[in-house]
Amino acid sequence: MTIDALFVLKALISIGIVVALSLIAERLGPRAAGLLTGLPLGAGMVTIFTGLEQGTMFAARAAVFMVPGFVTTLVFIYFYAQVAARQNRGGVKAVLLPWLTANVAYAISAALIHYLDMPLEVSVPIIAVSLVLVSKMMAGLPDTPIMARVSFGWRVMAFRAGLATAVILLITGLASTVGAEWIGILTGYPITMLPLILVIHITYSGAETAAVLKHLPMGLGGVVSFCIACNFSLTAYGLGWGVTLAYVAAFTYLLGYSYLSHWWRKRRPA
């Protein structure tokens, strides 16, 4: 595959994923959007494209550092959701403070993760505890559904797609320069999630935005499962089958979590 063809493929896949997630958020409600945003979409694209460009071993090593890197995702969504919920405003100006706060928190946590240089046997229990802890910390946020749907035009769709595509192209383009460790950590930046967050926040309010984000931490376990599986499956079966098996691991987690959470909600008293 030529470099130009790969570039176009990255852009087309990014566009499709972002638009689909935005529509799901409006149609199926915040809980479904939060869980589906936990699919290994950005991580999957980075793994596939770096594997094609830098080799399977590079992609497998990057996947190891994606696991602790997703601590930075939790930090980002926690701070964004808290600030957005406190402001509870919509519009472009309302986005600025949550976005800046979340980015500063993300940068600090990314630098710390890089400094600690954790092996997989350490990072797995840390991210597992972090998923549960952040989920509990965000439980008190509003659960406001998107009630009055707004019809989005092509400009909004272009914004969603363009932002996600730019981040994907930037991260994968840096692979040969910064190495597998930083690529893994940088993948923790909410690549496909950020356009969804910004569009919902600008269009609706901080309450609807926080409602989507509060359901994301446990759903993020799907991405973590994908990355853990990649560490083993890519080296054993190559890029194609290795990524396929990693996606199976992610879907297995998400289906299991969805079933268990539904069962638990039914057992709780009204």
C-alpha atoms as a PDB file:
ATOM      1  CA  MET A   1       0.000   0.000   0.000  1.00  0.00           C
ATOM      2  CA  THR A   2       1.437   3.404  -1.001  1.00  0.00           C
ATOM      3  CA  ILE A   3       1.877   6.238   1.494  1.00  0.00           C
ATOM      4  CA  ASP A   4      -0.793   8.343  -0.262  1.00  0.00           C
ATOM      5  CA  ALA A   5      -3.309   5.472  -0.200  1.00  0.00           C
ATOM      6  CA  LEU A   6      -2.604   4.847   3.499  1.00  0.00           C
ATOM      7  CA  PHE A   7      -3.063   8.559   4.225  1.00  0.00           C
ATOM      8  CA  VAL A   8      -6.465   8.570   2.520  1.00  0.00           C
ATOM      9  CA  LEU A   9      -7.483   5.360   4.318  1.00  0.00           C
ATOM     10  CA  LYS A  10      -6.628   6.868   7.703  1.00  0.00           C
ATOM     11  CA  ALA A  11      -8.738   9.917   6.919  1.00  0.00           C
ATOM     12  CA  LEU A  12     -11.752   7.968   5.636  1.00  0.00           C
ATOM     13  CA  ILE A  13     -11.846   5.574   8.605  1.00  0.00           C
ATOM     14  CA  SER A  14     -11.507   8.447  11.093  1.00  0.00           C
ATOM     15  CA  ILE A  15     -14.335  10.370   9.426  1.00  0.00           C
ATOM     16  CA  GLY A  16     -16.679   7.371   9.471  1.00  0.00           C
ATOM     17  CA  ILE A  17     -16.024   6.542  13.125  1.00  0.00           C
ATOM     18  CA  VAL A  18     -16.503  10.083  14.445  1.00  0.00           C
ATOM     19  CA  VAL A  19     -19.734  10.711  12.549  1.00  0.00           C
ATOM     20  CA  ALA A  20     -21.151   7.339  13.634  1.00  0.00           C
ATOM     21  CA  LEU A  21     -20.333   7.937  17.304  1.00  0.00           C
ATOM     22  CA  SER A  22     -21.936  11.383  17.264  1.00  0.00           C
ATOM     23  CA  LEU A  23     -25.165  10.034  15.778  1.00  0.00           C
ATOM     24  CA  ILE A  24     -25.235   7.159  18.294  1.00  0.00           C
ATOM     25  CA  ALA A  25     -24.847   9.610  21.183  1.00  0.00           C
ATOM     26  CA  GLU A  26     -27.978  11.440  20.065  1.00  0.00           C
ATOM     27  CA  ARG A  27     -30.102   8.406  19.179  1.00  0.00           C
ATOM     28  CA  LEU A  28     -29.252   5.859  21.876  1.00  0.00           C
ATOM     29  CA  GLY A  29     -28.581   8.049  24.888  1.00  0.00           C
ATOM     30  CA  PRO A  30     -25.543   8.900  27.037  1.00  0.00           C
ATOM     31  CA  ARG A  31     -24.914   5.452  28.525  1.00  0.00           C
ATOM     32  CA  ALA A  32     -24.718   3.740  25.113  1.00  0.00           C
ATOM     33  CA  ALA A  33     -22.543   6.551  23.772  1.00  0.00           C
ATOM     34  CA  GLY A  34     -20.182   6.308  26.728  1.00  0.00           C
ATOM     35  CA  LEU A  35     -19.785   2.554  26.388  1.00  0.00           C
ATOM     36  CA  LEU A  36     -19.389   2.632  22.599  1.00  0.00           C
ATOM     37  CA  THR A  37     -16.780   5.367  22.881  1.00  0.00           C
ATOM     38  CA  GLY A  38     -14.803   2.803  24.894  1.00  0.00           C
ATOM     39  CA  LEU A  39     -14.361   0.656  21.789  1.00  0.00           C
ATOM     40  CA  PRO A  40     -10.736   0.431  20.559  1.00  0.00           C
ATOM     41  CA  LEU A  41     -11.307   2.803  17.654  1.00  0.00           C
ATOM     42  CA  GLY A  42      -8.459   5.294  17.954  1.00  0.00           C
ATOM     43  CA  ALA A  43      -6.162   2.675  19.500  1.00  0.00           C
ATOM     44  CA  GLY A  44      -7.114   0.229  16.783  1.00  0.00           C
ATOM     45  CA  MET A  45      -6.352   2.697  14.015  1.00  0.00           C
ATOM     46  CA  VAL A  46      -3.006   3.629  15.560  1.00  0.00           C
ATOM     47  CA  THR A  47      -2.086  -0.059  15.972  1.00  0.00           C
ATOM     48  CA  ILE A  48      -3.034  -0.964  12.397  1.00  0.00           C
ATOM     49  CA  PHE A  49      -1.398   2.018  10.741  1.00  0.00           C
ATOM     50  CA  THR A  50       1.816   1.937  12.783  1.00  0.00           C
ATOM     51  CA  GLY A  51       1.968  -1.814  12.153  1.00  0.00           C
ATOM     52  CA  LEU A  52       1.725  -1.243   8.409  1.00  0.00           C
ATOM     53  CA  GLU A  53       4.266   1.592   8.436  1.00  0.00           C
ATOM     54  CA  GLN A  54       6.692   0.610  11.228  1.00  0.00           C
ATOM     55  CA  GLY A  55       6.222  -3.147  11.496  1.00  0.00           C
ATOM     56  CA  THR A  56       4.279  -5.541  13.705  1.00  0.00           C
ATOM     57  CA  MET A  57       6.856  -5.598  16.519  1.00  0.00           C
ATOM     58  CA  PHE A  58       6.700  -1.802  16.784  1.00  0.00           C
ATOM     59  CA  ALA A  59       2.892  -1.927  17.036  1.00  0.00           C
ATOM     60  CA  ALA A  60       3.038  -4.682  19.672  1.00  0.00           C
ATOM     61  CA  ARG A  61       5.498  -2.686  21.788  1.00  0.00           C
ATOM     62  CA  ALA A  62       3.402   0.475  21.447  1.00  0.00           C
ATOM     63  CA  ALA A  63       0.361  -1.503  22.652  1.00  0.00           C
ATOM     64  CA  VAL A  64       2.207  -2.286  25.906  1.00  0.00           C
ATOM     65  CA  PHE A  65       2.539   1.435  26.641  1.00  0.00           C
ATOM     66  CA  MET A  66      -1.047   2.136  25.610  1.00  0.00           C
ATOM     67  CA  VAL A  67      -2.209   0.260  28.731  1.00  0.00           C
ATOM     68  CA  PRO A  68      -0.786   2.746  31.287  1.00  0.00           C
ATOM     69  CA  GLY A  69      -1.380   5.493  28.716  1.00  0.00           C
ATOM     70  CA  PHE A  70      -5.118   5.143  29.214  1.00  0.00           C
ATOM     71  CA  VAL A  71      -4.703   6.445  32.748  1.00  0.00           C
ATOM     72  CA  THR A  72      -4.239   9.783  30.979  1.00  0.00           C
ATOM     73  CA  THR A  73      -7.585   9.274  29.211  1.00  0.00           C
ATOM     74  CA  LEU A  74      -9.278   8.828  32.577  1.00  0.00           C
ATOM     75  CA  VAL A  75      -7.598  11.981  33.861  1.00  0.00           C
ATOM     76  CA  PHE A  76      -8.750  13.927  30.790  1.00  0.00           C
ATOM     77  CA  ILE A  77     -12.400  12.864  30.950  1.00  0.00           C
ATOM     78  CA  TYR A  78     -12.601  13.280  34.728  1.00  0.00           C
ATOM     79  CA  PHE A  79     -11.422  16.883  34.697  1.00  0.00           C
ATOM     80  CA  TYR A  80     -13.415  17.792  31.596  1.00  0.00           C
ATOM     81  CA  ALA A  81     -16.614  16.316  33.022  1.00  0.00           C
ATOM     82  CA  GLN A  82     -16.195  17.945  36.440  1.00  0.00           C
ATOM     83  CA  VAL A  83     -15.565  21.429  35.049  1.00  0.00           C
ATOM     84  CA  ALA A  84     -18.296  21.094  32.407  1.00  0.00           C
ATOM     85  CA  ALA A  85     -20.860  19.926  34.963  1.00  0.00           C
ATOM     86  CA  ARG A  86     -20.023  22.779  37.327  1.00  0.00           C
ATOM     87  CA  GLN A  87     -20.422  25.364  34.575  1.00  0.00           C
ATOM     88  CA  ASN A  88     -23.433  23.612  33.005  1.00  0.00           C
ATOM     89  CA  ARG A  89     -23.358  25.895  29.969  1.00  0.00           C
ATOM     90  CA  GLY A  90     -23.260  25.264  26.256  1.00  0.00           C
ATOM     91  CA  GLY A  91     -21.634  27.116  23.382  1.00  0.00           C
ATOM     92  CA  VAL A  92     -18.082  27.667  22.197  1.00  0.00           C
ATOM     93  CA  LYS A  93     -17.019  29.752  25.202  1.00  0.00           C
ATOM     94  CA  ALA A  94     -18.253  27.089  27.625  1.00  0.00           C
ATOM     95  CA  VAL A  95     -15.851  24.552  26.081  1.00  0.00           C
ATOM     96  CA  LEU A  96     -12.671  26.543  26.694  1.00  0.00           C
ATOM     97  CA  LEU A  97     -12.149  26.100  30.452  1.00  0.00           C
ATOM     98  CA  PRO A  98     -12.999  22.355  30.590  1.00  0.00           C
ATOM     99  CA  TRP A  99     -10.835  21.672  27.534  1.00  0.00           C
ATOM    100  CA  LEU A 100      -7.839  23.643  28.830  1.00  0.00           C
ATOM    101  CA  THR A 101      -8.113  22.079  32.302  1.00  0.00           C
ATOM    102  CA  ALA A 102      -8.358  18.569  30.859  1.00  0.00           C
ATOM    103  CA  ASN A 103      -5.381  19.141  28.554  1.00  0.00           C
ATOM    104  CA  VAL A 104      -3.153  20.411  31.355  1.00  0.00           C
ATOM    105  CA  ALA A 105      -4.119  17.421  33.519  1.00  0.00           C
ATOM    106  CA  TYR A 106      -3.516  15.092  30.570  1.00  0.00           C
ATOM    107  CA  ALA A 107      -0.049  16.525  29.873  1.00  0.00           C
ATOM    108  CA  ILE A 108       1.039  16.175  33.514  1.00  0.00           C
ATOM    109  CA  SER A 109      -0.224  12.588  33.761  1.00  0.00           C
ATOM    110  CA  ALA A 110       1.376  11.641  30.406  1.00  0.00           C
ATOM    111  CA  ALA A 111       4.755  12.952  31.551  1.00  0.00           C
ATOM    112  CA  LEU A 112       4.394  10.991  34.807  1.00  0.00           C
ATOM    113  CA  ILE A 113       3.475   7.769  32.982  1.00  0.00           C
ATOM    114  CA  HIS A 114       6.509   8.195  30.713  1.00  0.00           C
ATOM    115  CA  TYR A 115       8.782   8.782  33.709  1.00  0.00           C
ATOM    116  CA  LEU A 116       7.534   5.696  35.594  1.00  0.00           C
ATOM    117  CA  ASP A 117       8.060   3.393  32.557  1.00  0.00           C
ATOM    118  CA  MET A 118       5.803   0.650  33.932  1.00  0.00           C
ATOM    119  CA  PRO A 119       5.972  -2.946  32.653  1.00  0.00           C
ATOM    120  CA  LEU A 120       2.716  -4.662  31.680  1.00  0.00           C
ATOM    121  CA  GLU A 121       2.497  -6.680  34.902  1.00  0.00           C
ATOM    122  CA  VAL A 122       2.436  -3.398  36.858  1.00  0.00           C
ATOM    123  CA  SER A 123       0.339  -1.269  34.503  1.00  0.00           C
ATOM    124  CA  VAL A 124      -2.525  -3.799  34.184  1.00  0.00           C
ATOM    125  CA  PRO A 125      -3.534  -3.776  37.891  1.00  0.00           C
ATOM    126  CA  ILE A 126      -3.018  -0.001  38.026  1.00  0.00           C
ATOM    127  CA  ILE A 127      -5.347   0.687  35.095  1.00  0.00           C
ATOM    128  CA  ALA A 128      -7.890  -1.843  36.454  1.00  0.00           C
ATOM    129  CA  VAL A 129      -8.031  -0.032  39.802  1.00  0.00           C
ATOM    130  CA  SER A 130      -8.106   3.342  38.039  1.00  0.00           C
ATOM    131  CA  LEU A 131     -11.127   2.356  35.907  1.00  0.00           C
ATOM    132  CA  VAL A 132     -13.158   1.423  38.983  1.00  0.00           C
ATOM    133  CA  LEU A 133     -11.959   4.374  41.063  1.00  0.00           C
ATOM    134  CA  VAL A 134     -12.673   7.050  38.429  1.00  0.00           C
ATOM    135  CA  SER A 135     -16.039   5.463  37.659  1.00  0.00           C
ATOM    136  CA  LYS A 136     -16.972   5.760  41.341  1.00  0.00           C
ATOM    137  CA  MET A 137     -15.681   9.337  41.477  1.00  0.00           C
ATOM    138  CA  MET A 138     -17.864  10.301  38.489  1.00  0.00           C
ATOM    139  CA  ALA A 139     -20.995   8.479  39.691  1.00  0.00           C
ATOM    140  CA  GLY A 140     -22.463  11.659  41.164  1.00  0.00           C
ATOM    141  CA  LEU A 141     -22.393  13.562  37.864  1.00  0.00           C
ATOM    142  CA  PRO A 142     -25.717  14.304  36.134  1.00  0.00           C
ATOM    143  CA  ASP A 143     -27.312  11.666  33.909  1.00  0.00           C
ATOM    144  CA  THR A 144     -29.046  14.117  31.594  1.00  0.00           C
ATOM    145  CA  PRO A 145     -30.168  12.636  28.250  1.00  0.00           C
ATOM    146  CA  ILE A 146     -30.108  14.588  24.997  1.00  0.00           C
ATOM    147  CA  MET A 147     -33.786  15.480  24.750  1.00  0.00           C
ATOM    148  CA  ALA A 148     -34.135  18.031  21.947  1.00  0.00           C
ATOM    149  CA  ARG A 149     -32.119  16.809  18.993  1.00  0.00           C
ATOM    150  CA  VAL A 150     -30.419  19.410  16.842  1.00  0.00           C
ATOM    151  CA  SER A 151     -30.038  18.814  13.124  1.00  0.00           C
ATOM    152  CA  PHE A 152     -26.314  19.137  12.366  1.00  0.00           C
ATOM    153  CA  GLY A 153     -25.121  20.520   9.050  1.00  0.00           C
ATOM    154  CA  TRP A 154     -22.085  19.629   6.991  1.00  0.00           C
ATOM    155  CA  ARG A 155     -19.899  22.182   8.806  1.00  0.00           C
ATOM    156  CA  VAL A 156     -20.321  20.385  12.134  1.00  0.00           C
ATOM    157  CA  MET A 157     -19.733  17.009  10.518  1.00  0.00           C
ATOM    158  CA  ALA A 158     -16.583  18.368   8.865  1.00  0.00           C
ATOM    159  CA  PHE A 159     -15.362  19.685  12.234  1.00  0.00           C
ATOM    160  CA  ARG A 160     -15.902  16.323  13.921  1.00  0.00           C
ATOM    161  CA  ALA A 161     -14.175  14.382  11.178  1.00  0.00           C
ATOM    162  CA  GLY A 162     -11.375  16.865  10.616  1.00  0.00           C
ATOM    163  CA  LEU A 163     -10.293  17.057  14.259  1.00  0.00           C
ATOM    164  CA  ALA A 164     -10.163  13.283  14.751  1.00  0.00           C
ATOM    165  CA  THR A 165      -8.389  12.755  11.433  1.00  0.00           C
ATOM    166  CA  ALA A 166      -5.781  15.387  12.273  1.00  0.00           C
ATOM    167  CA  VAL A 167      -4.960  13.726  15.622  1.00  0.00           C
ATOM    168  CA  ILE A 168      -4.741  10.238  14.050  1.00  0.00           C
ATOM    169  CA  LEU A 169      -2.452  11.483  11.288  1.00  0.00           C
ATOM    170  CA  LEU A 170      -0.290  13.373  13.789  1.00  0.00           C
ATOM    171  CA  ILE A 171       0.208  10.428  16.159  1.00  0.00           C
ATOM    172  CA  THR A 172       0.891   7.860  13.447  1.00  0.00           C
ATOM    173  CA  GLY A 173       3.119  10.329  11.600  1.00  0.00           C
ATOM    174  CA  LEU A 174       5.272  10.787  14.732  1.00  0.00           C
ATOM    175  CA  ALA A 175       5.873   7.050  15.148  1.00  0.00           C
ATOM    176  CA  SER A 176       9.317   6.926  13.545  1.00  0.00           C
ATOM    177  CA  THR A 177      10.416  10.048  15.439  1.00  0.00           C
ATOM    178  CA  VAL A 178       9.259   9.551  19.036  1.00  0.00           C
ATOM    179  CA  GLY A 179       9.306   5.745  19.261  1.00  0.00           C
ATOM    180  CA  ALA A 180       6.879   3.083  20.458  1.00  0.00           C
ATOM    181  CA  GLU A 181       6.678   4.218  24.099  1.00  0.00           C
ATOM    182  CA  TRP A 182       5.492   7.742  23.373  1.00  0.00           C
ATOM    183  CA  ILE A 183       3.158   6.538  20.615  1.00  0.00           C
ATOM    184  CA  GLY A 184       1.535   4.215  23.138  1.00  0.00           C
ATOM    185  CA  ILE A 185       1.176   6.996  25.721  1.00  0.00           C
ATOM    186  CA  LEU A 186      -0.059   9.587  23.198  1.00  0.00           C
ATOM    187  CA  THR A 187      -2.751   7.171  22.035  1.00  0.00           C
ATOM    188  CA  GLY A 188      -4.325   7.772  25.433  1.00  0.00           C
ATOM    189  CA  TYR A 189      -5.365  11.205  24.182  1.00  0.00           C
ATOM    190  CA  PRO A 190      -9.125  10.953  23.416  1.00  0.00           C
ATOM    191  CA  ILE A 191      -8.673  10.786  19.657  1.00  0.00           C
ATOM    192  CA  THR A 192     -12.149   9.848  18.451  1.00  0.00           C
ATOM    193  CA  MET A 193     -13.892  10.928  21.655  1.00  0.00           C
ATOM    194  CA  LEU A 194     -12.811  14.594  21.684  1.00  0.00           C
ATOM    195  CA  PRO A 195     -14.852  15.724  18.656  1.00  0.00           C
ATOM    196  CA  LEU A 196     -17.911  14.025  20.174  1.00  0.00           C
ATOM    197  CA  ILE A 197     -17.345  15.794  23.503  1.00  0.00           C
ATOM    198  CA  LEU A 198     -16.863  19.203  21.919  1.00  0.00           C
ATOM    199  CA  VAL A 199     -19.854  18.977  19.576  1.00  0.00           C
ATOM    200  CA  ILE A 200     -22.210  17.799  22.332  1.00  0.00           C
ATOM    201  CA  HIS A 201     -20.931  20.476  24.708  1.00  0.00           C
ATOM    202  CA  ILE A 202     -21.161  23.292  22.171  1.00  0.00           C
ATOM    203  CA  THR A 203     -24.609  22.202  20.995  1.00  0.00           C
ATOM    204  CA  TYR A 204     -26.216  21.292  24.322  1.00  0.00           C
ATOM    205  CA  SER A 205     -24.726  21.923  27.785  1.00  0.00           C
ATOM    206  CA  GLY A 206     -22.249  20.710  30.349  1.00  0.00           C
ATOM    207  CA  ALA A 207     -24.858  18.400  31.902  1.00  0.00           C
ATOM    208  CA  GLU A 208     -25.363  16.368  28.712  1.00  0.00           C
ATOM    209  CA  THR A 209     -21.610  16.239  28.169  1.00  0.00           C
ATOM    210  CA  ALA A 210     -20.903  14.997  31.687  1.00  0.00           C
ATOM    211  CA  ALA A 211     -23.666  12.404  31.283  1.00  0.00           C
ATOM    212  CA  VAL A 212     -21.829  10.861  28.326  1.00  0.00           C
ATOM    213  CA  LEU A 213     -18.423  11.025  30.006  1.00  0.00           C
ATOM    214  CA  LYS A 214     -19.517   9.445  33.314  1.00  0.00           C
ATOM    215  CA  HIS A 215     -20.256   6.156  31.532  1.00  0.00           C
ATOM    216  CA  LEU A 216     -16.917   5.998  29.749  1.00  0.00           C
ATOM    217  CA  PRO A 217     -14.425   4.799  32.436  1.00  0.00           C
ATOM    218  CA  MET A 218     -15.651   1.200  32.713  1.00  0.00           C
ATOM    219  CA  GLY A 219     -16.283   1.036  28.971  1.00  0.00           C
ATOM    220  CA  LEU A 220     -12.645   1.980  28.484  1.00  0.00           C
ATOM    221  CA  GLY A 221     -11.810  -1.500  29.712  1.00  0.00           C
ATOM    222  CA  GLY A 222     -12.570  -2.638  26.175  1.00  0.00           C
ATOM    223  CA  VAL A 223      -9.680  -0.580  24.833  1.00  0.00           C
ATOM    224  CA  VAL A 224      -7.402  -1.839  27.590  1.00  0.00           C
ATOM    225  CA  SER A 225      -8.363  -5.439  26.768  1.00  0.00           C
ATOM    226  CA  PHE A 226      -7.551  -4.749  23.125  1.00  0.00           C
ATOM    227  CA  CYS A 227      -4.084  -3.412  23.966  1.00  0.00           C
ATOM    228  CA  ILE A 228      -3.233  -6.259  26.349  1.00  0.00           C
ATOM    229  CA  ALA A 229      -4.290  -8.793  23.717  1.00  0.00           C
ATOM    230  CA  CYS A 230      -2.255  -6.984  21.022  1.00  0.00           C
ATOM    231  CA  ASN A 231       0.902  -7.428  23.064  1.00  0.00           C
ATOM    232  CA  PHE A 232       0.570 -11.198  22.645  1.00  0.00           C
ATOM    233  CA  SER A 233      -1.472 -11.705  19.481  1.00  0.00           C
ATOM    234  CA  LEU A 234       0.525  -9.422  17.172  1.00  0.00           C
ATOM    235  CA  THR A 235       3.804 -11.209  17.828  1.00  0.00           C
ATOM    236  CA  ALA A 236       2.190 -14.641  17.603  1.00  0.00           C
ATOM    237  CA  TYR A 237      -0.141 -14.229  14.617  1.00  0.00           C
ATOM    238  CA  GLY A 238       0.953 -11.107  12.752  1.00  0.00           C
ATOM    239  CA  LEU A 239      -0.845  -7.825  12.214  1.00  0.00           C
ATOM    240  CA  GLY A 240      -4.060  -9.005  10.524  1.00  0.00           C
ATOM    241  CA  TRP A 241      -5.043 -11.928  12.750  1.00  0.00           C
ATOM    242  CA  GLY A 242      -3.428 -10.327  15.785  1.00  0.00           C
ATOM    243  CA  VAL A 243      -5.625  -7.202  15.556  1.00  0.00           C
ATOM    244  CA  THR A 244      -8.686  -9.357  14.837  1.00  0.00           C
ATOM    245  CA  LEU A 245      -8.134 -11.417  17.997  1.00  0.00           C
ATOM    246  CA  ALA A 246      -7.543  -8.233  19.996  1.00  0.00           C
ATOM    247  CA  TYR A 247     -10.882  -6.856  18.810  1.00  0.00           C
ATOM    248  CA  VAL A 248     -12.530 -10.106  19.884  1.00  0.00           C
ATOM    249  CA  ALA A 249     -11.047  -9.583  23.361  1.00  0.00           C
ATOM    250  CA  ALA A 250     -12.391  -6.013  23.447  1.00  0.00           C
ATOM    251  CA  PHE A 251     -15.902  -7.004  22.367  1.00  0.00           C
ATOM    252  CA  THR A 252     -15.900  -9.879  24.876  1.00  0.00           C
ATOM    253  CA  TYR A 253     -15.122  -7.441  27.679  1.00  0.00           C
ATOM    254  CA  LEU A 254     -17.756  -4.918  26.582  1.00  0.00           C
ATOM    255  CA  LEU A 255     -20.466  -7.542  26.169  1.00  0.00           C
ATOM    256  CA  GLY A 256     -19.595  -9.074  29.544  1.00  0.00           C
ATOM    257  CA  TYR A 257     -19.562  -5.691  31.271  1.00  0.00           C
ATOM    258  CA  SER A 258     -22.842  -4.648  29.634  1.00  0.00           C
ATOM    259  CA  TYR A 259     -24.527  -7.884  30.742  1.00  0.00           C
ATOM    260  CA  LEU A 260     -23.202  -7.671  34.304  1.00  0.00           C
ATOM    261  CA  SER A 261     -24.101  -3.985  34.705  1.00  0.00           C
ATOM    262  CA  HIS A 262     -27.625  -4.661  33.383  1.00  0.00           C
ATOM    263  CA  TRP A 263     -27.980  -7.581  35.810  1.00  0.00           C
ATOM    264  CA  TRP A 264     -26.734  -5.436  38.692  1.00  0.00           C
ATOM    265  CA  ARG A 265     -29.150  -2.582  37.915  1.00  0.00           C
ATOM    266  CA  LYS A 266     -32.081  -5.015  37.895  1.00  0.00           C
ATOM    267  CA  ARG A 267     -31.080  -6.361  41.325  1.00  0.00           C
ATOM    268  CA  ARG A 268     -30.859  -2.912  42.910  1.00  0.00           C
ATOM    269  CA  PRO A 269     -34.030  -1.672  44.611  1.00  0.00           C
ATOM    270  CA  ALA A 270     -35.866   1.128  42.802  1.00  0.00           C
END
